[in-house]
Amino acid sequence: MLRFTRFLLVPLLLIGIIVLVLTLTSRQASMPAVLEDLGERPLVIAHRGGKGLWPENTLFAFERATALGVDMLEMDLHLSQDAKLVVIHDETLERTTNGQGPVAHFSLAELQALDAGYKWTADGGQSYPYRGQGTRIAALEEVFEHFPLIPKALEIKVPDVGMEAVLCEMLAAYDQLDRVIVGSFHERSLKRFRELCPEVATSAGPVSVRLLLALNWLGLSDLLSPSYPVLQIPPQHSGLTLATPRLIRNAQTRGLHVQLWTINEQPEMRRLLEMGANGLITDYPDRALQLLGRSTQLGALQPQ
């Protein structure tokens, strides 16, 4: 019996020591420069520029969302055939433009010859108000030139094609190092980007999110030393509730800014804000602004 007791106690003691050491050495994330000037109010983040209101990921959308009064623009990045960063969500062109085929098979000039408002409709296809209006796929450099000051959330969509290095160089060239949050569903892309651009804020990758969820479930959130200052997650995923009051509270205790996506209905927005969310990533930023009692000028922003 004594041997069995020792057999149990030694591993438990070692685990206890490890937990204590990790607790004492863990460090919170620090507030990144991109968020410092935004205050403590909940942020309204225009998902793809507000894809429910106008053609997504376009200069037109970003212009309208900025005029509306959002706090941040969210957008997706791909690499063109001639190694230019372009702002588009899908790997292929069919869903949002009048083109066909993979984005990576076309040069920037060829991509920008397409109509990026061709497929946008608000009435299930009865009308397409932005067709033929000159709405183009945007180059990231155009976004930086037109919107240098507003914070931006950038998502690297494709790993292993060199996007990380191109993006890091562009951020430095356009003085955007403290104006962006970079994220990706590809952990190796985030790792590579952090190595190249350690001064730029990033969001948690999928492995980091799983680790945070596991530690939260075990009651060991204090062990976390995040390498990222922003947590961007959906409220639910694969039937599992991710955004709980406990998770949000524990993530914020570790210094994380919790931004939830994609939140489009006001009752859900209200529920998550009451839960303590720091930001809402939404296709309908007008609804979030209205809910928060912030003025909008949507009436002056009708299709031209």
Protein backbone atom coordinates (compact mmCIF):
# COMPACT_ATOMS: atom_id res chain seq x y z
CA MET A 1 0.00 0.00 0.00
CA LEU A 2 2.84 2.41 0.84
CA ARG A 3 4.49 1.78 -2.53
CA PHE A 4 1.17 2.36 -4.30
CA THR A 5 0.67 5.61 -2.40
CA ARG A 6 4.15 6.79 -3.38
CA PHE A 7 3.43 5.73 -6.96
CA LEU A 8 0.43 8.08 -6.99
CA LEU A 9 1.90 10.95 -4.99
CA VAL A 10 5.14 11.41 -6.93
CA PRO A 11 3.47 12.16 -10.31
CA LEU A 12 0.87 14.35 -8.62
CA LEU A 13 3.60 16.26 -6.81
CA LEU A 14 5.51 16.75 -10.05
CA ILE A 15 2.36 17.95 -11.80
CA GLY A 16 1.71 20.34 -8.92
CA ILE A 17 5.23 21.75 -9.14
CA ILE A 18 4.94 22.19 -12.92
CA VAL A 19 1.59 23.96 -12.56
CA LEU A 20 3.02 26.24 -9.85
CA VAL A 21 6.07 27.13 -11.96
CA LEU A 22 3.93 27.84 -15.01
CA THR A 23 1.56 29.97 -12.94
CA LEU A 24 4.42 32.01 -11.50
CA THR A 25 6.12 32.50 -14.88
CA SER A 26 3.06 33.05 -17.07
CA ARG A 27 2.63 36.49 -18.61
CA GLN A 28 -0.41 38.35 -19.84
CA ALA A 29 -0.63 39.73 -23.35
CA SER A 30 -0.10 43.48 -23.59
CA MET A 31 -2.43 45.90 -25.33
CA PRO A 32 -1.23 46.34 -28.94
CA ALA A 33 -0.78 49.80 -30.41
CA VAL A 34 -3.53 49.18 -32.96
CA LEU A 35 -6.10 49.04 -30.14
CA GLU A 36 -4.69 51.66 -27.78
CA ASP A 37 -6.50 54.64 -29.29
CA LEU A 38 -9.88 52.90 -29.58
CA GLY A 39 -10.77 53.14 -25.92
CA GLU A 40 -12.68 50.58 -23.88
CA ARG A 41 -16.00 50.69 -25.71
CA PRO A 42 -17.07 47.61 -27.72
CA LEU A 43 -15.66 47.74 -31.23
CA VAL A 44 -17.70 47.45 -34.41
CA ILE A 45 -15.62 45.60 -36.99
CA ALA A 46 -16.89 45.53 -40.58
CA HIS A 47 -16.53 41.94 -41.82
CA ARG A 48 -15.11 42.16 -45.36
CA GLY A 49 -16.09 45.81 -45.21
CA GLY A 50 -19.72 44.95 -44.39
CA LYS A 51 -20.63 42.27 -46.93
CA GLY A 52 -24.32 42.44 -46.09
CA LEU A 53 -24.50 46.07 -47.18
CA TRP A 54 -22.31 46.29 -50.29
CA PRO A 55 -19.83 44.25 -52.38
CA GLU A 56 -17.39 42.62 -49.98
CA ASN A 57 -13.67 43.29 -49.72
CA THR A 58 -13.76 46.24 -52.11
CA LEU A 59 -12.58 49.82 -51.81
CA PHE A 60 -16.21 50.80 -52.18
CA ALA A 61 -17.15 48.71 -49.13
CA PHE A 62 -14.25 50.02 -47.07
CA GLU A 63 -15.08 53.62 -48.01
CA ARG A 64 -18.72 53.17 -47.01
CA ALA A 65 -17.94 51.33 -43.79
CA THR A 66 -15.45 54.01 -42.79
CA ALA A 67 -17.98 56.76 -43.49
CA LEU A 68 -20.53 54.79 -41.47
CA GLY A 69 -18.26 55.07 -38.44
CA VAL A 70 -16.92 51.55 -37.84
CA ASP A 71 -13.88 51.06 -35.63
CA MET A 72 -12.06 48.54 -37.81
CA LEU A 73 -12.12 47.03 -41.30
CA GLU A 74 -11.73 43.27 -41.69
CA MET A 75 -10.45 41.81 -44.97
CA ASP A 76 -8.97 38.69 -46.60
CA LEU A 77 -5.73 38.37 -48.55
CA HIS A 78 -4.64 36.25 -51.49
CA LEU A 79 -1.60 36.44 -53.73
CA SER A 80 -1.94 37.14 -57.44
CA GLN A 81 0.08 35.43 -60.13
CA ASP A 82 2.50 38.37 -60.16
CA ALA A 83 2.94 38.24 -56.35
CA LYS A 84 0.66 41.14 -55.46
CA LEU A 85 -1.51 40.99 -52.36
CA VAL A 86 -5.16 41.26 -53.36
CA VAL A 87 -8.20 41.61 -51.14
CA ILE A 88 -10.62 38.75 -51.78
CA HIS A 89 -12.02 35.97 -49.62
CA ASP A 90 -12.35 32.95 -51.92
CA GLU A 91 -9.59 31.07 -53.69
CA THR A 92 -11.68 31.33 -56.85
CA LEU A 93 -13.48 34.18 -58.58
CA GLU A 94 -16.93 32.79 -59.31
CA ARG A 95 -18.86 33.72 -56.16
CA THR A 96 -18.16 37.46 -56.14
CA THR A 97 -17.08 38.46 -59.66
CA ASN A 98 -17.85 37.85 -63.33
CA GLY A 99 -14.59 35.91 -63.64
CA GLN A 100 -13.77 32.23 -63.32
CA GLY A 101 -10.84 30.27 -61.98
CA PRO A 102 -8.32 30.52 -59.14
CA VAL A 103 -7.23 33.96 -58.01
CA ALA A 104 -3.60 32.80 -58.06
CA HIS A 105 -3.77 32.14 -61.81
CA PHE A 106 -4.29 35.80 -62.71
CA SER A 107 -2.15 38.92 -62.57
CA LEU A 108 -3.27 41.96 -60.60
CA ALA A 109 -4.19 43.76 -63.83
CA GLU A 110 -6.31 40.82 -64.98
CA LEU A 111 -8.04 40.59 -61.62
CA GLN A 112 -8.80 44.28 -61.56
CA ALA A 113 -10.39 44.09 -65.00
CA LEU A 114 -13.18 42.03 -63.44
CA ASP A 115 -16.42 43.33 -61.92
CA ALA A 116 -16.22 42.75 -58.16
CA GLY A 117 -19.80 43.93 -57.66
CA TYR A 118 -21.25 41.59 -60.26
CA LYS A 119 -22.74 38.99 -57.91
CA TRP A 120 -23.81 41.18 -54.98
CA THR A 121 -27.54 41.13 -54.29
CA ALA A 122 -29.66 42.01 -51.29
CA ASP A 123 -32.89 40.42 -52.54
CA GLY A 124 -31.95 36.87 -53.42
CA GLY A 125 -30.96 37.62 -56.99
CA GLN A 126 -33.89 39.76 -58.12
CA SER A 127 -31.55 42.69 -58.62
CA TYR A 128 -27.80 43.34 -58.83
CA PRO A 129 -27.39 47.06 -58.11
CA TYR A 130 -23.60 47.14 -58.29
CA ARG A 131 -23.11 45.48 -61.68
CA GLY A 132 -21.26 47.66 -64.14
CA GLN A 133 -20.46 50.32 -61.53
CA GLY A 134 -16.68 49.98 -61.79
CA THR A 135 -16.24 48.05 -58.52
CA ARG A 136 -12.89 46.27 -58.69
CA ILE A 137 -10.92 43.76 -56.69
CA ALA A 138 -8.65 45.84 -54.48
CA ALA A 139 -4.90 45.56 -54.18
CA LEU A 140 -3.84 45.76 -50.54
CA GLU A 141 -1.58 48.70 -51.31
CA GLU A 142 -4.67 50.62 -52.47
CA VAL A 143 -6.34 49.94 -49.14
CA PHE A 144 -3.30 51.28 -47.30
CA GLU A 145 -3.20 54.36 -49.52
CA HIS A 146 -6.91 55.14 -49.19
CA PHE A 147 -7.36 54.20 -45.52
CA PRO A 148 -4.03 54.71 -43.76
CA LEU A 149 -5.39 55.51 -40.30
CA ILE A 150 -8.32 53.21 -39.63
CA PRO A 151 -7.35 49.92 -37.92
CA LYS A 152 -7.54 46.80 -40.05
CA ALA A 153 -7.83 43.07 -39.42
CA LEU A 154 -6.03 41.15 -42.16
CA GLU A 155 -6.41 37.42 -42.75
CA ILE A 156 -3.77 35.41 -44.59
CA LYS A 157 -5.82 32.93 -46.59
CA VAL A 158 -3.12 30.80 -48.25
CA PRO A 159 -0.03 29.29 -46.59
CA ASP A 160 3.31 28.40 -48.14
CA VAL A 161 3.24 30.89 -51.00
CA GLY A 162 5.29 33.66 -49.41
CA MET A 163 2.43 35.93 -48.38
CA GLU A 164 3.90 36.48 -44.92
CA ALA A 165 7.08 38.13 -46.21
CA VAL A 166 5.25 40.24 -48.79
CA LEU A 167 2.78 41.41 -46.16
CA CYS A 168 5.46 42.26 -43.62
CA GLU A 169 7.36 44.35 -46.16
CA MET A 170 4.20 46.18 -47.20
CA LEU A 171 3.22 46.98 -43.63
CA ALA A 172 6.59 48.60 -43.05
CA ALA A 173 6.56 50.44 -46.38
CA TYR A 174 3.10 51.93 -45.78
CA ASP A 175 3.61 52.68 -42.07
CA GLN A 176 0.94 50.16 -41.07
CA LEU A 177 2.86 48.11 -38.50
CA ASP A 178 0.78 49.51 -35.64
CA ARG A 179 -2.46 49.78 -37.64
CA VAL A 180 -3.26 46.11 -38.22
CA ILE A 181 -4.07 42.79 -36.61
CA VAL A 182 -2.97 39.80 -38.68
CA GLY A 183 -4.67 36.43 -38.41
CA SER A 184 -4.88 33.12 -40.24
CA PHE A 185 -6.43 29.69 -39.94
CA HIS A 186 -3.00 28.34 -40.90
CA GLU A 187 -0.81 28.06 -37.81
CA ARG A 188 2.43 27.87 -39.78
CA SER A 189 1.57 31.12 -41.56
CA LEU A 190 1.09 32.87 -38.24
CA LYS A 191 4.33 31.42 -36.91
CA ARG A 192 6.21 32.59 -39.98
CA PHE A 193 4.62 36.04 -39.90
CA ARG A 194 5.44 36.50 -36.21
CA GLU A 195 9.07 35.61 -36.93
CA LEU A 196 9.24 38.19 -39.72
CA CYS A 197 7.11 40.92 -38.10
CA PRO A 198 7.27 40.46 -34.32
CA GLU A 199 6.12 44.03 -33.68
CA VAL A 200 2.76 43.48 -35.43
CA ALA A 201 -0.28 42.35 -33.42
CA THR A 202 -1.72 38.96 -34.33
CA SER A 203 -4.80 36.98 -33.39
CA ALA A 204 -4.86 33.45 -32.04
CA GLY A 205 -4.42 30.63 -34.53
CA PRO A 206 -6.39 27.36 -34.35
CA VAL A 207 -3.86 25.57 -32.12
CA SER A 208 -3.79 28.50 -29.72
CA VAL A 209 -7.59 28.59 -29.58
CA ARG A 210 -7.73 24.88 -28.74
CA LEU A 211 -5.14 25.34 -26.00
CA LEU A 212 -7.06 28.25 -24.52
CA LEU A 213 -10.31 26.25 -24.58
CA ALA A 214 -8.63 23.27 -22.91
CA LEU A 215 -7.04 25.38 -20.16
CA ASN A 216 -10.33 27.18 -19.60
CA TRP A 217 -12.17 23.87 -19.25
CA LEU A 218 -9.56 22.57 -16.79
CA GLY A 219 -9.61 25.78 -14.78
CA LEU A 220 -5.98 26.47 -15.62
CA SER A 221 -6.30 29.65 -17.68
CA ASP A 222 -3.73 31.38 -15.48
CA LEU A 223 -1.04 29.17 -17.05
CA LEU A 224 -1.52 30.81 -20.44
CA SER A 225 1.18 33.16 -21.77
CA PRO A 226 -0.36 34.28 -25.08
CA SER A 227 1.88 35.07 -28.03
CA TYR A 228 -1.03 37.04 -29.47
CA PRO A 229 -3.11 39.91 -28.01
CA VAL A 230 -6.39 39.28 -29.85
CA LEU A 231 -8.80 36.35 -29.69
CA GLN A 232 -11.14 36.17 -32.69
CA ILE A 233 -13.60 33.26 -32.45
CA PRO A 234 -17.19 32.41 -33.38
CA PRO A 235 -19.69 31.95 -30.54
CA GLN A 236 -20.21 28.34 -31.64
CA HIS A 237 -18.25 25.91 -33.77
CA SER A 238 -19.08 22.30 -34.75
CA GLY A 239 -21.87 22.16 -32.19
CA LEU A 240 -19.61 23.38 -29.37
CA THR A 241 -20.22 26.67 -27.57
CA LEU A 242 -16.96 28.60 -27.51
CA ALA A 243 -17.96 32.03 -26.26
CA THR A 244 -19.05 31.58 -22.67
CA PRO A 245 -18.91 34.19 -19.89
CA ARG A 246 -16.15 32.17 -18.23
CA LEU A 247 -14.04 31.93 -21.39
CA ILE A 248 -14.39 35.62 -22.17
CA ARG A 249 -13.59 36.59 -18.60
CA ASN A 250 -10.55 34.30 -18.40
CA ALA A 251 -9.27 35.38 -21.82
CA GLN A 252 -9.53 39.03 -20.81
CA THR A 253 -7.72 38.25 -17.55
CA ARG A 254 -4.83 37.03 -19.70
CA GLY A 255 -4.84 40.39 -21.51
CA LEU A 256 -6.71 39.25 -24.61
CA HIS A 257 -9.08 41.43 -26.61
CA VAL A 258 -12.05 39.17 -27.43
CA GLN A 259 -13.67 39.75 -30.82
CA LEU A 260 -16.52 37.47 -31.96
CA TRP A 261 -17.58 36.61 -35.52
CA THR A 262 -19.75 36.73 -37.56
CA ILE A 263 -22.53 38.40 -35.54
CA ASN A 264 -25.34 39.76 -37.71
CA GLU A 265 -28.53 39.87 -35.63
CA GLN A 266 -29.09 42.44 -32.91
CA PRO A 267 -30.42 40.03 -30.22
CA GLU A 268 -27.21 37.98 -30.57
CA MET A 269 -25.13 41.14 -30.60
CA ARG A 270 -26.78 42.29 -27.38
CA ARG A 271 -26.31 38.92 -25.68
CA LEU A 272 -22.61 38.75 -26.52
CA LEU A 273 -21.97 42.35 -25.52
CA GLU A 274 -23.66 41.71 -22.18
CA MET A 275 -21.40 38.68 -21.84
CA GLY A 276 -18.41 41.03 -22.13
CA ALA A 277 -17.24 40.76 -25.76
CA ASN A 278 -14.76 43.50 -26.69
CA GLY A 279 -15.74 43.57 -30.35
CA LEU A 280 -18.26 42.32 -32.90
CA ILE A 281 -17.18 41.32 -36.39
CA THR A 282 -20.30 41.73 -38.49
CA ASP A 283 -21.64 41.82 -42.05
CA TYR A 284 -24.06 44.53 -40.88
CA PRO A 285 -22.04 47.15 -38.97
CA ASP A 286 -25.00 49.54 -39.16
CA ARG A 287 -26.98 47.23 -36.88
CA ALA A 288 -24.18 47.04 -34.32
CA LEU A 289 -23.68 50.80 -34.32
CA GLN A 290 -27.40 51.34 -33.89
CA LEU A 291 -27.53 48.85 -31.00
CA LEU A 292 -24.66 50.65 -29.28
CA GLY A 293 -26.39 54.00 -29.67
CA ARG A 294 -23.75 55.34 -32.01
CA SER A 295 -24.82 57.58 -34.86
CA THR A 296 -24.59 56.39 -38.45
CA GLN A 297 -25.09 58.14 -41.76
CA LEU A 298 -26.50 55.14 -43.61
CA GLY A 299 -29.22 57.21 -45.24
CA ALA A 300 -26.56 59.16 -47.11
CA LEU A 301 -24.79 55.99 -48.21
CA GLN A 302 -27.14 54.57 -50.80
CA PRO A 303 -25.91 52.93 -54.04
CA GLN A 304 -24.87 55.52 -56.58
